Amino acid sequence: MNDQEIILDYFSILQILLNSMWACDESVEDCKIVEKVLRTLTPQFDHIVVAIEESSNLKMIVEELQNSLEAHEQ
């Protein structure tokens, strides 16, 4: 993710990649996707990443993560 990109655009690209992986019968767990997304966010989301990791809420689904990040983005 770059500094000019918004969460909605980032997750749109992510969804395209995930659909391609699922089309090839690649199974990816939501918790792995959430972990990878949290690692690739820009520094402006650092406090949100820490809060999610500290609450050990990495079992959230991708849609919940997207909604949470969009709320914090505004």
PDB file of N, CA and C in Angstrom:
ATOM      1  N   MET A   1       0.850  -1.175   0.000  1.00  0.00           N
ATOM      2  CA  MET A   1       0.000   0.000   0.000  1.00  0.00           C
ATOM      3  C   MET A   1       0.893   1.234   0.000  1.00  0.00           C
ATOM      4  N   ASN A   2       0.540   2.216  -0.806  1.00  0.00           N
ATOM      5  CA  ASN A   2       1.310   3.453  -0.796  1.00  0.00           C
ATOM      6  C   ASN A   2       0.527   4.552  -0.088  1.00  0.00           C
ATOM      7  N   ASP A   3       1.176   5.692   0.134  1.00  0.00           N
ATOM      8  CA  ASP A   3       0.579   6.774   0.929  1.00  0.00           C
ATOM      9  C   ASP A   3      -0.646   7.393   0.276  1.00  0.00           C
ATOM     10  N   GLN A   4      -0.729   7.403  -1.040  1.00  0.00           N
ATOM     11  CA  GLN A   4      -1.857   8.036  -1.721  1.00  0.00           C
ATOM     12  C   GLN A   4      -3.053   7.096  -1.900  1.00  0.00           C
ATOM     13  N   GLU A   5      -2.867   5.837  -1.630  1.00  0.00           N
ATOM     14  CA  GLU A   5      -3.912   4.837  -1.852  1.00  0.00           C
ATOM     15  C   GLU A   5      -4.891   4.817  -0.674  1.00  0.00           C
ATOM     16  N   ILE A   6      -6.167   4.700  -0.972  1.00  0.00           N
ATOM     17  CA  ILE A   6      -7.156   4.594   0.091  1.00  0.00           C
ATOM     18  C   ILE A   6      -7.469   3.118   0.335  1.00  0.00           C
ATOM     19  N   ILE A   7      -8.053   2.857   1.483  1.00  0.00           N
ATOM     20  CA  ILE A   7      -8.326   1.477   1.896  1.00  0.00           C
ATOM     21  C   ILE A   7      -9.225   0.763   0.899  1.00  0.00           C
ATOM     22  N   LEU A   8     -10.237   1.436   0.392  1.00  0.00           N
ATOM     23  CA  LEU A   8     -11.165   0.813  -0.549  1.00  0.00           C
ATOM     24  C   LEU A   8     -10.435   0.319  -1.794  1.00  0.00           C
ATOM     25  N   ASP A   9      -9.532   1.133  -2.351  1.00  0.00           N
ATOM     26  CA  ASP A   9      -8.765   0.716  -3.521  1.00  0.00           C
ATOM     27  C   ASP A   9      -7.832  -0.442  -3.198  1.00  0.00           C
ATOM     28  N   TYR A  10      -7.213  -0.372  -2.032  1.00  0.00           N
ATOM     29  CA  TYR A  10      -6.283  -1.423  -1.610  1.00  0.00           C
ATOM     30  C   TYR A  10      -6.994  -2.767  -1.482  1.00  0.00           C
ATOM     31  N   PHE A  11      -8.166  -2.749  -0.881  1.00  0.00           N
ATOM     32  CA  PHE A  11      -8.900  -4.002  -0.707  1.00  0.00           C
ATOM     33  C   PHE A  11      -9.518  -4.496  -2.010  1.00  0.00           C
ATOM     34  N   SER A  12      -9.776  -3.611  -2.939  1.00  0.00           N
ATOM     35  CA  SER A  12     -10.254  -4.034  -4.259  1.00  0.00           C
ATOM     36  C   SER A  12      -9.174  -4.835  -4.974  1.00  0.00           C
ATOM     37  N   ILE A  13      -7.959  -4.352  -4.908  1.00  0.00           N
ATOM     38  CA  ILE A  13      -6.829  -5.073  -5.513  1.00  0.00           C
ATOM     39  C   ILE A  13      -6.613  -6.397  -4.791  1.00  0.00           C
ATOM     40  N   LEU A  14      -6.693  -6.366  -3.481  1.00  0.00           N
ATOM     41  CA  LEU A  14      -6.530  -7.583  -2.692  1.00  0.00           C
ATOM     42  C   LEU A  14      -7.579  -8.624  -3.059  1.00  0.00           C
ATOM     43  N   GLN A  15      -8.820  -8.196  -3.257  1.00  0.00           N
ATOM     44  CA  GLN A  15      -9.897  -9.121  -3.601  1.00  0.00           C
ATOM     45  C   GLN A  15      -9.665  -9.764  -4.972  1.00  0.00           C
ATOM     46  N   ILE A  16      -9.144  -9.002  -5.909  1.00  0.00           N
ATOM     47  CA  ILE A  16      -8.828  -9.551  -7.227  1.00  0.00           C
ATOM     48  C   ILE A  16      -7.765 -10.643  -7.097  1.00  0.00           C
ATOM     49  N   LEU A  17      -6.742 -10.380  -6.296  1.00  0.00           N
ATOM     50  CA  LEU A  17      -5.686 -11.377  -6.088  1.00  0.00           C
ATOM     51  C   LEU A  17      -6.217 -12.622  -5.396  1.00  0.00           C
ATOM     52  N   LEU A  18      -7.056 -12.426  -4.387  1.00  0.00           N
ATOM     53  CA  LEU A  18      -7.617 -13.575  -3.678  1.00  0.00           C
ATOM     54  C   LEU A  18      -8.518 -14.407  -4.580  1.00  0.00           C
ATOM     55  N   ASN A  19      -9.323 -13.758  -5.409  1.00  0.00           N
ATOM     56  CA  ASN A  19     -10.180 -14.491  -6.344  1.00  0.00           C
ATOM     57  C   ASN A  19      -9.354 -15.310  -7.321  1.00  0.00           C
ATOM     58  N   SER A  20      -8.236 -14.765  -7.761  1.00  0.00           N
ATOM     59  CA  SER A  20      -7.345 -15.501  -8.661  1.00  0.00           C
ATOM     60  C   SER A  20      -6.756 -16.722  -7.964  1.00  0.00           C
ATOM     61  N   MET A  21      -6.382 -16.546  -6.719  1.00  0.00           N
ATOM     62  CA  MET A  21      -5.826 -17.668  -5.962  1.00  0.00           C
ATOM     63  C   MET A  21      -6.878 -18.746  -5.743  1.00  0.00           C
ATOM     64  N   TRP A  22      -8.103 -18.335  -5.388  1.00  0.00           N
ATOM     65  CA  TRP A  22      -9.160 -19.309  -5.161  1.00  0.00           C
ATOM     66  C   TRP A  22      -9.556 -20.008  -6.452  1.00  0.00           C
ATOM     67  N   ALA A  23      -9.441 -19.333  -7.579  1.00  0.00           N
ATOM     68  CA  ALA A  23      -9.748 -19.957  -8.865  1.00  0.00           C
ATOM     69  C   ALA A  23      -8.750 -21.070  -9.184  1.00  0.00           C
ATOM     70  N   CYS A  24      -7.557 -20.965  -8.643  1.00  0.00           N
ATOM     71  CA  CYS A  24      -6.520 -21.988  -8.838  1.00  0.00           C
ATOM     72  C   CYS A  24      -6.531 -23.010  -7.714  1.00  0.00           C
ATOM     73  N   ASP A  25      -7.626 -23.073  -6.969  1.00  0.00           N
ATOM     74  CA  ASP A  25      -7.788 -24.005  -5.845  1.00  0.00           C
ATOM     75  C   ASP A  25      -6.748 -23.820  -4.749  1.00  0.00           C
ATOM     76  N   GLU A  26      -6.295 -22.598  -4.575  1.00  0.00           N
ATOM     77  CA  GLU A  26      -5.365 -22.271  -3.492  1.00  0.00           C
ATOM     78  C   GLU A  26      -6.194 -21.872  -2.280  1.00  0.00           C
ATOM     79  N   SER A  27      -6.005 -22.557  -1.178  1.00  0.00           N
ATOM     80  CA  SER A  27      -6.763 -22.214   0.023  1.00  0.00           C
ATOM     81  C   SER A  27      -5.951 -21.257   0.886  1.00  0.00           C
ATOM     82  N   VAL A  28      -6.562 -20.160   1.255  1.00  0.00           N
ATOM     83  CA  VAL A  28      -5.910 -19.156   2.078  1.00  0.00           C
ATOM     84  C   VAL A  28      -6.841 -18.844   3.238  1.00  0.00           C
ATOM     85  N   GLU A  29      -6.315 -18.953   4.441  1.00  0.00           N
ATOM     86  CA  GLU A  29      -7.130 -18.690   5.624  1.00  0.00           C
ATOM     87  C   GLU A  29      -7.232 -17.183   5.854  1.00  0.00           C
ATOM     88  N   ASP A  30      -8.378 -16.769   6.405  1.00  0.00           N
ATOM     89  CA  ASP A  30      -8.595 -15.347   6.675  1.00  0.00           C
ATOM     90  C   ASP A  30      -7.542 -14.774   7.613  1.00  0.00           C
ATOM     91  N   CYS A  31      -7.131 -15.548   8.617  1.00  0.00           N
ATOM     92  CA  CYS A  31      -6.162 -15.021   9.580  1.00  0.00           C
ATOM     93  C   CYS A  31      -4.823 -14.729   8.897  1.00  0.00           C
ATOM     94  N   LYS A  32      -4.433 -15.514   7.932  1.00  0.00           N
ATOM     95  CA  LYS A  32      -3.191 -15.258   7.185  1.00  0.00           C
ATOM     96  C   LYS A  32      -3.319 -13.998   6.336  1.00  0.00           C
ATOM     97  N   ILE A  33      -4.478 -13.810   5.739  1.00  0.00           N
ATOM     98  CA  ILE A  33      -4.711 -12.616   4.928  1.00  0.00           C
ATOM     99  C   ILE A  33      -4.666 -11.381   5.815  1.00  0.00           C
ATOM    100  N   VAL A  34      -5.326 -11.446   6.975  1.00  0.00           N
ATOM    101  CA  VAL A  34      -5.343 -10.318   7.903  1.00  0.00           C
ATOM    102  C   VAL A  34      -3.930  -9.971   8.343  1.00  0.00           C
ATOM    103  N   GLU A  35      -3.124 -10.975   8.677  1.00  0.00           N
ATOM    104  CA  GLU A  35      -1.743 -10.743   9.101  1.00  0.00           C
ATOM    105  C   GLU A  35      -0.940 -10.046   8.004  1.00  0.00           C
ATOM    106  N   LYS A  36      -1.086 -10.508   6.783  1.00  0.00           N
ATOM    107  CA  LYS A  36      -0.340  -9.923   5.673  1.00  0.00           C
ATOM    108  C   LYS A  36      -0.788  -8.497   5.370  1.00  0.00           C
ATOM    109  N   VAL A  37      -2.094  -8.247   5.443  1.00  0.00           N
ATOM    110  CA  VAL A  37      -2.594  -6.892   5.209  1.00  0.00           C
ATOM    111  C   VAL A  37      -2.054  -5.951   6.279  1.00  0.00           C
ATOM    112  N   LEU A  38      -2.081  -6.376   7.530  1.00  0.00           N
ATOM    113  CA  LEU A  38      -1.592  -5.518   8.613  1.00  0.00           C
ATOM    114  C   LEU A  38      -0.116  -5.179   8.430  1.00  0.00           C
ATOM    115  N   ARG A  39       0.665  -6.100   7.881  1.00  0.00           N
ATOM    116  CA  ARG A  39       2.088  -5.845   7.643  1.00  0.00           C
ATOM    117  C   ARG A  39       2.328  -4.857   6.515  1.00  0.00           C
ATOM    118  N   THR A  40       1.393  -4.733   5.594  1.00  0.00           N
ATOM    119  CA  THR A  40       1.634  -3.909   4.411  1.00  0.00           C
ATOM    120  C   THR A  40       0.995  -2.528   4.490  1.00  0.00           C
ATOM    121  N   LEU A  41       0.362  -2.210   5.598  1.00  0.00           N
ATOM    122  CA  LEU A  41      -0.274  -0.901   5.724  1.00  0.00           C
ATOM    123  C   LEU A  41       0.774   0.199   5.920  1.00  0.00           C
ATOM    124  N   THR A  42       0.402   1.409   5.580  1.00  0.00           N
ATOM    125  CA  THR A  42       1.299   2.556   5.727  1.00  0.00           C
ATOM    126  C   THR A  42       1.418   2.939   7.204  1.00  0.00           C
ATOM    127  N   PRO A  43       2.433   3.722   7.547  1.00  0.00           N
ATOM    128  CA  PRO A  43       2.644   4.109   8.953  1.00  0.00           C
ATOM    129  C   PRO A  43       1.481   4.860   9.591  1.00  0.00           C
ATOM    130  N   GLN A  44       0.623   5.474   8.816  1.00  0.00           N
ATOM    131  CA  GLN A  44      -0.516   6.189   9.407  1.00  0.00           C
ATOM    132  C   GLN A  44      -1.480   5.244  10.108  1.00  0.00           C
ATOM    133  N   PHE A  45      -1.393   3.943   9.820  1.00  0.00           N
ATOM    134  CA  PHE A  45      -2.263   2.948  10.444  1.00  0.00           C
ATOM    135  C   PHE A  45      -1.565   2.163  11.547  1.00  0.00           C
ATOM    136  N   ASP A  46      -0.348   2.570  11.931  1.00  0.00           N
ATOM    137  CA  ASP A  46       0.416   1.821  12.932  1.00  0.00           C
ATOM    138  C   ASP A  46      -0.337   1.642  14.239  1.00  0.00           C
ATOM    139  N   HIS A  47      -0.993   2.699  14.713  1.00  0.00           N
ATOM    140  CA  HIS A  47      -1.704   2.594  15.989  1.00  0.00           C
ATOM    141  C   HIS A  47      -2.885   1.628  15.905  1.00  0.00           C
ATOM    142  N   ILE A  48      -3.488   1.520  14.744  1.00  0.00           N
ATOM    143  CA  ILE A  48      -4.605   0.589  14.558  1.00  0.00           C
ATOM    144  C   ILE A  48      -4.085  -0.845  14.511  1.00  0.00           C
ATOM    145  N   VAL A  49      -2.969  -1.030  13.823  1.00  0.00           N
ATOM    146  CA  VAL A  49      -2.358  -2.358  13.736  1.00  0.00           C
ATOM    147  C   VAL A  49      -1.989  -2.854  15.128  1.00  0.00           C
ATOM    148  N   VAL A  50      -1.382  -1.980  15.924  1.00  0.00           N
ATOM    149  CA  VAL A  50      -0.994  -2.360  17.285  1.00  0.00           C
ATOM    150  C   VAL A  50      -2.225  -2.723  18.104  1.00  0.00           C
ATOM    151  N   ALA A  51      -3.280  -1.953  17.978  1.00  0.00           N
ATOM    152  CA  ALA A  51      -4.501  -2.231  18.737  1.00  0.00           C
ATOM    153  C   ALA A  51      -5.097  -3.581  18.346  1.00  0.00           C
ATOM    154  N   ILE A  52      -5.111  -3.888  17.065  1.00  0.00           N
ATOM    155  CA  ILE A  52      -5.658  -5.175  16.607  1.00  0.00           C
ATOM    156  C   ILE A  52      -4.785  -6.325  17.088  1.00  0.00           C
ATOM    157  N   GLU A  53      -3.459  -6.163  16.991  1.00  0.00           N
ATOM    158  CA  GLU A  53      -2.551  -7.221  17.427  1.00  0.00           C
ATOM    159  C   GLU A  53      -2.613  -7.419  18.939  1.00  0.00           C
ATOM    160  N   GLU A  54      -2.684  -6.329  19.701  1.00  0.00           N
ATOM    161  CA  GLU A  54      -2.741  -6.425  21.161  1.00  0.00           C
ATOM    162  C   GLU A  54      -4.032  -7.081  21.634  1.00  0.00           C
ATOM    163  N   SER A  55      -5.107  -6.838  20.932  1.00  0.00           N
ATOM    164  CA  SER A  55      -6.364  -7.463  21.330  1.00  0.00           C
ATOM    165  C   SER A  55      -6.423  -8.914  20.866  1.00  0.00           C
ATOM    166  N   SER A  56      -5.353  -9.342  20.198  1.00  0.00           N
ATOM    167  CA  SER A  56      -5.262 -10.694  19.623  1.00  0.00           C
ATOM    168  C   SER A  56      -6.506 -11.027  18.822  1.00  0.00           C
ATOM    169  N   ASN A  57      -6.954 -10.056  18.063  1.00  0.00           N
ATOM    170  CA  ASN A  57      -8.158 -10.199  17.249  1.00  0.00           C
ATOM    171  C   ASN A  57      -7.778 -10.520  15.804  1.00  0.00           C
ATOM    172  N   LEU A  58      -6.732 -11.312  15.622  1.00  0.00           N
ATOM    173  CA  LEU A  58      -6.297 -11.670  14.275  1.00  0.00           C
ATOM    174  C   LEU A  58      -7.219 -12.709  13.651  1.00  0.00           C
ATOM    175  N   LYS A  59      -8.215 -13.165  14.406  1.00  0.00           N
ATOM    176  CA  LYS A  59      -9.164 -14.135  13.873  1.00  0.00           C
ATOM    177  C   LYS A  59     -10.314 -13.456  13.147  1.00  0.00           C
ATOM    178  N   MET A  60     -10.226 -12.123  13.006  1.00  0.00           N
ATOM    179  CA  MET A  60     -11.283 -11.403  12.297  1.00  0.00           C
ATOM    180  C   MET A  60     -11.230 -11.758  10.820  1.00  0.00           C
ATOM    181  N   ILE A  61     -12.327 -11.591  10.151  1.00  0.00           N
ATOM    182  CA  ILE A  61     -12.366 -11.872   8.726  1.00  0.00           C
ATOM    183  C   ILE A  61     -11.946 -10.621   7.954  1.00  0.00           C
ATOM    184  N   VAL A  62     -11.651 -10.783   6.703  1.00  0.00           N
ATOM    185  CA  VAL A  62     -11.132  -9.706   5.873  1.00  0.00           C
ATOM    186  C   VAL A  62     -12.119  -8.545   5.791  1.00  0.00           C
ATOM    187  N   GLU A  63     -13.400  -8.832   5.694  1.00  0.00           N
ATOM    188  CA  GLU A  63     -14.403  -7.770   5.597  1.00  0.00           C
ATOM    189  C   GLU A  63     -14.449  -6.932   6.866  1.00  0.00           C
ATOM    190  N   GLU A  64     -14.307  -7.576   8.020  1.00  0.00           N
ATOM    191  CA  GLU A  64     -14.282  -6.840   9.279  1.00  0.00           C
ATOM    192  C   GLU A  64     -13.068  -5.926   9.342  1.00  0.00           C
ATOM    193  N   LEU A  65     -11.923  -6.427   8.889  1.00  0.00           N
ATOM    194  CA  LEU A  65     -10.709  -5.619   8.864  1.00  0.00           C
ATOM    195  C   LEU A  65     -10.885  -4.422   7.948  1.00  0.00           C
ATOM    196  N   GLN A  66     -11.444  -4.641   6.785  1.00  0.00           N
ATOM    197  CA  GLN A  66     -11.663  -3.549   5.839  1.00  0.00           C
ATOM    198  C   GLN A  66     -12.578  -2.489   6.455  1.00  0.00           C
ATOM    199  N   ASN A  67     -13.669  -2.900   7.063  1.00  0.00           N
ATOM    200  CA  ASN A  67     -14.590  -1.953   7.679  1.00  0.00           C
ATOM    201  C   ASN A  67     -13.916  -1.162   8.793  1.00  0.00           C
ATOM    202  N   SER A  68     -13.129  -1.843   9.594  1.00  0.00           N
ATOM    203  CA  SER A  68     -12.430  -1.175  10.692  1.00  0.00           C
ATOM    204  C   SER A  68     -11.433  -0.144  10.165  1.00  0.00           C
ATOM    205  N   LEU A  69     -10.669  -0.511   9.137  1.00  0.00           N
ATOM    206  CA  LEU A  69      -9.676   0.405   8.589  1.00  0.00           C
ATOM    207  C   LEU A  69     -10.323   1.584   7.874  1.00  0.00           C
ATOM    208  N   GLU A  70     -11.431   1.348   7.193  1.00  0.00           N
ATOM    209  CA  GLU A  70     -12.137   2.453   6.529  1.00  0.00           C
ATOM    210  C   GLU A  70     -12.682   3.438   7.567  1.00  0.00           C
ATOM    211  N   ALA A  71     -13.158   2.933   8.686  1.00  0.00           N
ATOM    212  CA  ALA A  71     -13.660   3.811   9.747  1.00  0.00           C
ATOM    213  C   ALA A  71     -12.541   4.672  10.315  1.00  0.00           C
ATOM    214  N   HIS A  72     -11.372   4.083  10.512  1.00  0.00           N
ATOM    215  CA  HIS A  72     -10.235   4.834  11.047  1.00  0.00           C
ATOM    216  C   HIS A  72      -9.628   5.770  10.029  1.00  0.00           C
ATOM    217  N   GLU A  73      -9.789   5.465   8.763  1.00  0.00           N
ATOM    218  CA  GLU A  73      -9.243   6.306   7.703  1.00  0.00           C
ATOM    219  C   GLU A  73      -9.966   7.649   7.668  1.00  0.00           C
ATOM    220  N   GLN A  74     -11.235   7.645   8.006  1.00  0.00           N
ATOM    221  CA  GLN A  74     -12.016   8.882   7.975  1.00  0.00           C
ATOM    222  C   GLN A  74     -11.828   9.586   9.247  1.00  0.00           C
TER     223      GLN A  74
END
